[in-house]
Amino acid sequence: AASRTLLVSVGKGSRTLPAIQESQAFAVNFLSAAGRAASQVFASKAADKFANVEWEPSPVAEGAPLLVDIALSFAECRVENAIEVSDHWLFIARV
């Protein structure tokens, strides 16, 4: 079977960027409707985005957070390549 890849774009000012660069891994959580409020918090500059959500560390993606109570599914990813483009980094990852 062909391997699956995923591309994400992360702004250089994002607090998530150093974690991805250091661990070379990340998780993408595909949220249910119940996760709507949490999605607003994660899109904000809130200091502790995980204060009001249950999560588990990914065993595949170096401990990246899996939002097990509000995610329909998630992709656990390992970075294969990173490309700097303007004010963002593009991460191409194997799922």
N, C-alpha and C. Protein backbone atom coordinates (compact mmCIF):
# COMPACT_ATOMS: atom_id res chain seq x y z
N ALA A 1 0.84 -1.19 0.00
CA ALA A 1 0.00 0.00 0.00
C ALA A 1 0.88 1.24 0.00
N ALA A 2 0.38 2.27 -0.66
CA ALA A 2 1.11 3.53 -0.72
C ALA A 2 1.09 4.20 0.65
N SER A 3 2.19 4.83 0.98
CA SER A 3 2.23 5.53 2.27
C SER A 3 1.41 6.82 2.16
N ARG A 4 0.85 7.23 3.28
CA ARG A 4 0.04 8.44 3.31
C ARG A 4 0.89 9.60 3.79
N THR A 5 0.69 10.75 3.17
CA THR A 5 1.39 11.96 3.59
C THR A 5 0.38 13.07 3.84
N LEU A 6 0.81 14.02 4.64
CA LEU A 6 -0.03 15.16 5.00
C LEU A 6 0.87 16.38 5.04
N LEU A 7 0.37 17.51 4.54
CA LEU A 7 1.12 18.75 4.58
C LEU A 7 0.40 19.73 5.49
N VAL A 8 1.14 20.36 6.39
CA VAL A 8 0.57 21.42 7.23
C VAL A 8 1.45 22.66 7.10
N SER A 9 0.81 23.80 7.23
CA SER A 9 1.49 25.09 7.18
C SER A 9 1.40 25.72 8.56
N VAL A 10 2.55 26.10 9.12
CA VAL A 10 2.61 26.65 10.47
C VAL A 10 3.31 28.01 10.41
N GLY A 11 2.65 29.03 10.92
CA GLY A 11 3.22 30.37 10.94
C GLY A 11 4.46 30.45 11.81
N LYS A 12 5.40 31.28 11.41
CA LYS A 12 6.65 31.42 12.17
C LYS A 12 6.42 31.96 13.57
N GLY A 13 5.33 32.66 13.81
CA GLY A 13 5.03 33.19 15.13
C GLY A 13 4.26 32.23 16.02
N SER A 14 3.93 31.07 15.50
CA SER A 14 3.14 30.10 16.26
C SER A 14 3.94 29.49 17.39
N ARG A 15 3.28 29.32 18.54
CA ARG A 15 3.96 28.66 19.67
C ARG A 15 4.09 27.16 19.42
N THR A 16 3.39 26.64 18.44
CA THR A 16 3.48 25.22 18.09
C THR A 16 4.74 24.92 17.29
N LEU A 17 5.24 25.91 16.56
CA LEU A 17 6.37 25.70 15.66
C LEU A 17 7.60 25.09 16.35
N PRO A 18 8.08 25.62 17.47
CA PRO A 18 9.27 25.02 18.09
C PRO A 18 9.06 23.56 18.49
N ALA A 19 7.86 23.21 18.92
CA ALA A 19 7.59 21.82 19.31
C ALA A 19 7.70 20.89 18.11
N ILE A 20 7.17 21.32 16.97
CA ILE A 20 7.25 20.48 15.76
C ILE A 20 8.70 20.39 15.29
N GLN A 21 9.40 21.51 15.30
CA GLN A 21 10.80 21.50 14.85
C GLN A 21 11.67 20.62 15.74
N GLU A 22 11.43 20.64 17.03
CA GLU A 22 12.24 19.84 17.95
C GLU A 22 11.90 18.35 17.88
N SER A 23 10.62 18.03 17.88
CA SER A 23 10.21 16.62 17.92
C SER A 23 10.15 15.96 16.55
N GLN A 24 10.04 16.79 15.50
CA GLN A 24 9.87 16.29 14.13
C GLN A 24 8.62 15.41 14.02
N ALA A 25 7.59 15.78 14.78
CA ALA A 25 6.33 15.03 14.78
C ALA A 25 5.20 15.97 15.20
N PHE A 26 3.99 15.60 14.82
CA PHE A 26 2.80 16.35 15.24
C PHE A 26 1.57 15.48 15.03
N ALA A 27 0.46 15.93 15.58
CA ALA A 27 -0.82 15.25 15.38
C ALA A 27 -1.83 16.26 14.87
N VAL A 28 -2.69 15.82 13.96
CA VAL A 28 -3.81 16.63 13.49
C VAL A 28 -5.07 15.97 14.02
N ASN A 29 -5.85 16.71 14.78
CA ASN A 29 -7.10 16.21 15.36
C ASN A 29 -8.26 16.72 14.51
N PHE A 30 -9.09 15.82 14.03
CA PHE A 30 -10.27 16.18 13.24
C PHE A 30 -11.45 16.18 14.21
N LEU A 31 -11.89 17.38 14.58
CA LEU A 31 -12.84 17.53 15.68
C LEU A 31 -14.29 17.30 15.26
N SER A 32 -15.06 16.77 16.20
CA SER A 32 -16.50 16.63 16.04
C SER A 32 -17.15 17.98 16.33
N ALA A 33 -18.46 18.07 16.15
CA ALA A 33 -19.18 19.31 16.48
C ALA A 33 -18.99 19.67 17.95
N ALA A 34 -18.81 18.68 18.79
CA ALA A 34 -18.59 18.92 20.22
C ALA A 34 -17.27 19.66 20.47
N GLY A 35 -16.39 19.65 19.51
CA GLY A 35 -15.10 20.31 19.65
C GLY A 35 -15.07 21.74 19.15
N ARG A 36 -16.23 22.28 18.79
CA ARG A 36 -16.28 23.64 18.22
C ARG A 36 -15.68 24.69 19.17
N ALA A 37 -16.07 24.67 20.43
CA ALA A 37 -15.54 25.64 21.39
C ALA A 37 -14.03 25.47 21.55
N ALA A 38 -13.58 24.23 21.62
CA ALA A 38 -12.15 23.97 21.75
C ALA A 38 -11.39 24.47 20.53
N SER A 39 -11.98 24.35 19.35
CA SER A 39 -11.29 24.81 18.14
C SER A 39 -11.04 26.31 18.21
N GLN A 40 -11.96 27.06 18.81
CA GLN A 40 -11.77 28.51 18.96
C GLN A 40 -10.62 28.81 19.92
N VAL A 41 -10.51 28.02 20.98
CA VAL A 41 -9.42 28.20 21.93
C VAL A 41 -8.08 27.88 21.26
N PHE A 42 -8.03 26.79 20.50
CA PHE A 42 -6.78 26.41 19.85
C PHE A 42 -6.37 27.39 18.76
N ALA A 43 -7.33 28.11 18.19
CA ALA A 43 -7.02 29.12 17.17
C ALA A 43 -6.61 30.46 17.79
N SER A 44 -6.76 30.58 19.10
CA SER A 44 -6.47 31.84 19.79
C SER A 44 -5.03 31.86 20.32
N LYS A 45 -4.73 32.92 21.04
CA LYS A 45 -3.42 33.05 21.70
C LYS A 45 -3.52 32.69 23.18
N ALA A 46 -4.51 31.89 23.56
CA ALA A 46 -4.69 31.49 24.96
C ALA A 46 -3.41 30.88 25.51
N ALA A 47 -3.13 31.18 26.76
CA ALA A 47 -1.89 30.70 27.39
C ALA A 47 -1.87 29.18 27.56
N ASP A 48 -2.96 28.60 28.05
CA ASP A 48 -3.01 27.15 28.26
C ASP A 48 -4.18 26.58 27.47
N LYS A 49 -3.90 26.21 26.25
CA LYS A 49 -4.95 25.72 25.35
C LYS A 49 -5.49 24.35 25.75
N PHE A 50 -4.79 23.65 26.60
CA PHE A 50 -5.20 22.30 26.98
C PHE A 50 -5.89 22.24 28.35
N ALA A 51 -6.14 23.40 28.95
CA ALA A 51 -6.70 23.44 30.31
C ALA A 51 -8.06 22.76 30.42
N ASN A 52 -8.89 22.87 29.40
CA ASN A 52 -10.26 22.37 29.51
C ASN A 52 -10.58 21.22 28.56
N VAL A 53 -9.57 20.54 28.07
CA VAL A 53 -9.81 19.39 27.18
C VAL A 53 -9.04 18.17 27.68
N GLU A 54 -9.64 17.02 27.49
CA GLU A 54 -8.96 15.76 27.82
C GLU A 54 -8.09 15.38 26.62
N TRP A 55 -6.87 14.97 26.89
CA TRP A 55 -6.01 14.54 25.80
C TRP A 55 -5.08 13.45 26.29
N GLU A 56 -4.55 12.72 25.32
CA GLU A 56 -3.57 11.67 25.59
C GLU A 56 -2.36 11.90 24.69
N PRO A 57 -1.16 11.58 25.16
CA PRO A 57 0.02 11.74 24.32
C PRO A 57 0.07 10.66 23.24
N SER A 58 0.40 11.07 22.04
CA SER A 58 0.51 10.12 20.93
C SER A 58 1.73 9.23 21.12
N PRO A 59 1.54 7.92 21.03
CA PRO A 59 2.69 7.02 21.11
C PRO A 59 3.51 7.01 19.82
N VAL A 60 2.93 7.51 18.75
CA VAL A 60 3.58 7.50 17.43
C VAL A 60 4.24 8.84 17.13
N ALA A 61 3.59 9.94 17.51
CA ALA A 61 4.05 11.28 17.15
C ALA A 61 4.72 12.00 18.33
N GLU A 62 5.61 11.30 19.01
CA GLU A 62 6.45 11.90 20.05
C GLU A 62 5.66 12.63 21.13
N GLY A 63 4.51 12.09 21.51
CA GLY A 63 3.73 12.67 22.59
C GLY A 63 2.82 13.81 22.19
N ALA A 64 2.68 14.07 20.89
CA ALA A 64 1.76 15.12 20.44
C ALA A 64 0.36 14.84 20.99
N PRO A 65 -0.40 15.88 21.31
CA PRO A 65 -1.70 15.68 21.95
C PRO A 65 -2.77 15.12 21.02
N LEU A 66 -3.44 14.07 21.50
CA LEU A 66 -4.59 13.49 20.81
C LEU A 66 -5.82 13.85 21.64
N LEU A 67 -6.74 14.58 21.06
CA LEU A 67 -7.93 15.05 21.77
C LEU A 67 -9.01 13.98 21.72
N VAL A 68 -8.81 12.95 22.48
CA VAL A 68 -9.60 11.72 22.38
C VAL A 68 -11.09 11.90 22.63
N ASP A 69 -11.50 12.88 23.42
CA ASP A 69 -12.92 13.06 23.73
C ASP A 69 -13.69 13.85 22.68
N ILE A 70 -13.00 14.69 21.91
CA ILE A 70 -13.72 15.54 20.95
C ILE A 70 -13.28 15.35 19.50
N ALA A 71 -12.34 14.47 19.25
CA ALA A 71 -11.88 14.22 17.88
C ALA A 71 -12.62 13.03 17.28
N LEU A 72 -13.08 13.20 16.04
CA LEU A 72 -13.66 12.08 15.31
C LEU A 72 -12.56 11.11 14.92
N SER A 73 -11.41 11.68 14.56
CA SER A 73 -10.23 10.89 14.23
C SER A 73 -9.02 11.82 14.33
N PHE A 74 -7.86 11.25 14.17
CA PHE A 74 -6.64 12.05 14.19
C PHE A 74 -5.60 11.40 13.31
N ALA A 75 -4.63 12.21 12.89
CA ALA A 75 -3.50 11.73 12.11
C ALA A 75 -2.24 11.96 12.94
N GLU A 76 -1.52 10.89 13.21
CA GLU A 76 -0.26 10.97 13.94
C GLU A 76 0.85 10.99 12.89
N CYS A 77 1.65 12.05 12.89
CA CYS A 77 2.56 12.32 11.78
C CYS A 77 4.01 12.47 12.22
N ARG A 78 4.90 12.03 11.33
CA ARG A 78 6.34 12.23 11.50
C ARG A 78 6.84 13.04 10.30
N VAL A 79 7.55 14.12 10.59
CA VAL A 79 8.01 15.03 9.55
C VAL A 79 9.02 14.34 8.63
N GLU A 80 8.78 14.45 7.34
CA GLU A 80 9.70 13.94 6.32
C GLU A 80 10.52 15.08 5.71
N ASN A 81 9.90 16.26 5.61
CA ASN A 81 10.57 17.40 4.99
C ASN A 81 9.95 18.68 5.54
N ALA A 82 10.75 19.73 5.61
CA ALA A 82 10.26 21.04 6.05
C ALA A 82 10.78 22.08 5.07
N ILE A 83 9.90 22.99 4.68
CA ILE A 83 10.25 24.01 3.70
C ILE A 83 9.84 25.37 4.25
N GLU A 84 10.79 26.29 4.29
CA GLU A 84 10.49 27.64 4.74
C GLU A 84 9.93 28.44 3.57
N VAL A 85 8.73 29.01 3.75
CA VAL A 85 8.09 29.80 2.70
C VAL A 85 7.55 31.08 3.32
N SER A 86 8.19 32.18 3.02
CA SER A 86 7.76 33.48 3.51
C SER A 86 7.68 33.47 5.04
N ASP A 87 6.49 33.70 5.60
CA ASP A 87 6.35 33.78 7.06
C ASP A 87 5.80 32.48 7.66
N HIS A 88 5.94 31.39 6.93
CA HIS A 88 5.46 30.07 7.39
C HIS A 88 6.51 28.98 7.15
N TRP A 89 6.30 27.86 7.81
CA TRP A 89 7.02 26.63 7.51
C TRP A 89 5.99 25.62 7.02
N LEU A 90 6.32 24.92 5.95
CA LEU A 90 5.49 23.82 5.46
C LEU A 90 6.14 22.53 5.93
N PHE A 91 5.35 21.68 6.56
CA PHE A 91 5.83 20.38 7.02
C PHE A 91 5.13 19.29 6.23
N ILE A 92 5.92 18.49 5.54
CA ILE A 92 5.41 17.33 4.81
C ILE A 92 5.71 16.13 5.69
N ALA A 93 4.66 15.40 6.04
CA ALA A 93 4.82 14.34 7.03
C ALA A 93 4.19 13.04 6.58
N ARG A 94 4.76 11.96 7.09
CA ARG A 94 4.21 10.62 6.88
C ARG A 94 3.23 10.34 8.00
N VAL A 95 2.04 9.89 7.61
CA VAL A 95 0.98 9.58 8.58
C VAL A 95 1.17 8.16 9.07
